[in-house]
Amino acid sequence: MNRITPRQTELLTILARLLKNGVTPTFEEIAKEAGITRSGAFDQFHALRDKGYVIWQRGRARTLRIVRMP
């Protein structure tokens, strides 16, 4: 089952809101908005990627995209 945690849902919501501005936010920007560390956000988005909710191109800045919402 690909259930996500409340924190992951919160981060997806933040990402969706920030994407409406037309520019993909960095992990650092998302972390700041969520009040967590950059590495914490990165770890959560790795889990979301593994569950099929987001994608990004490794080594390229600002490529984080939502594939589906819960």
Protein backbone atom coordinates (compact mmCIF):
# COMPACT_ATOMS: atom_id res chain seq x y z
CA MET A 1 0.00 0.00 0.00
CA ASN A 2 1.27 3.47 -0.84
CA ARG A 3 -0.20 5.43 2.05
CA ILE A 4 1.51 8.66 2.96
CA THR A 5 2.01 10.29 6.34
CA PRO A 6 0.37 13.53 7.49
CA ARG A 7 3.76 15.27 7.12
CA GLN A 8 4.08 14.03 3.54
CA THR A 9 0.57 15.26 2.79
CA GLU A 10 1.53 18.64 4.25
CA LEU A 11 4.65 18.81 2.08
CA LEU A 12 2.67 17.92 -1.06
CA THR A 13 0.19 20.68 -0.22
CA ILE A 14 3.04 23.17 0.24
CA LEU A 15 4.61 22.07 -3.04
CA ALA A 16 1.30 22.43 -4.90
CA ARG A 17 0.80 25.92 -3.49
CA LEU A 18 4.34 27.02 -4.38
CA LEU A 19 4.07 25.55 -7.89
CA LYS A 20 1.14 27.89 -8.56
CA ASN A 21 3.71 30.72 -8.62
CA GLY A 22 5.09 29.23 -11.83
CA VAL A 23 8.54 28.29 -10.53
CA THR A 24 9.40 24.97 -8.95
CA PRO A 25 10.63 25.53 -5.38
CA THR A 26 13.87 24.06 -4.09
CA PHE A 27 13.94 21.53 -1.27
CA GLU A 28 15.34 24.32 0.91
CA GLU A 29 12.40 26.60 0.13
CA ILE A 30 9.90 23.85 0.87
CA ALA A 31 11.69 22.99 4.11
CA LYS A 32 11.65 26.61 5.23
CA GLU A 33 7.93 26.85 4.50
CA ALA A 34 7.27 23.62 6.47
CA GLY A 35 9.56 24.51 9.36
CA ILE A 36 11.84 21.50 8.90
CA THR A 37 15.42 20.95 7.76
CA ARG A 38 16.38 20.66 4.09
CA SER A 39 17.55 17.10 4.63
CA GLY A 40 14.26 16.28 6.35
CA ALA A 41 12.32 17.59 3.36
CA PHE A 42 14.61 15.72 0.98
CA ASP A 43 14.04 12.47 2.89
CA GLN A 44 10.26 12.96 2.87
CA PHE A 45 10.26 13.64 -0.88
CA HIS A 46 12.37 10.53 -1.47
CA ALA A 47 9.63 8.55 0.27
CA LEU A 48 6.99 10.34 -1.81
CA ARG A 49 8.94 9.55 -4.97
CA ASP A 50 9.18 5.88 -4.00
CA LYS A 51 5.39 5.85 -3.43
CA GLY A 52 4.72 7.45 -6.84
CA TYR A 53 3.57 10.91 -5.75
CA VAL A 54 6.42 13.08 -7.08
CA ILE A 55 9.26 12.96 -9.60
CA TRP A 56 12.40 15.01 -10.20
CA GLN A 57 15.53 14.86 -12.27
CA ARG A 58 18.54 14.02 -10.18
CA GLY A 59 21.28 16.63 -10.35
CA ARG A 60 19.01 19.28 -11.87
CA ALA A 61 17.62 22.14 -9.84
CA ARG A 62 13.91 22.95 -9.69
CA THR A 63 12.58 19.86 -11.43
CA LEU A 64 10.33 18.58 -8.61
CA ARG A 65 6.84 17.77 -9.93
CA ILE A 66 3.69 16.29 -8.44
CA VAL A 67 2.53 13.14 -10.22
CA ARG A 68 -0.59 12.59 -8.12
CA MET A 69 -2.22 13.84 -4.96
CA PRO A 70 -3.58 11.64 -2.18
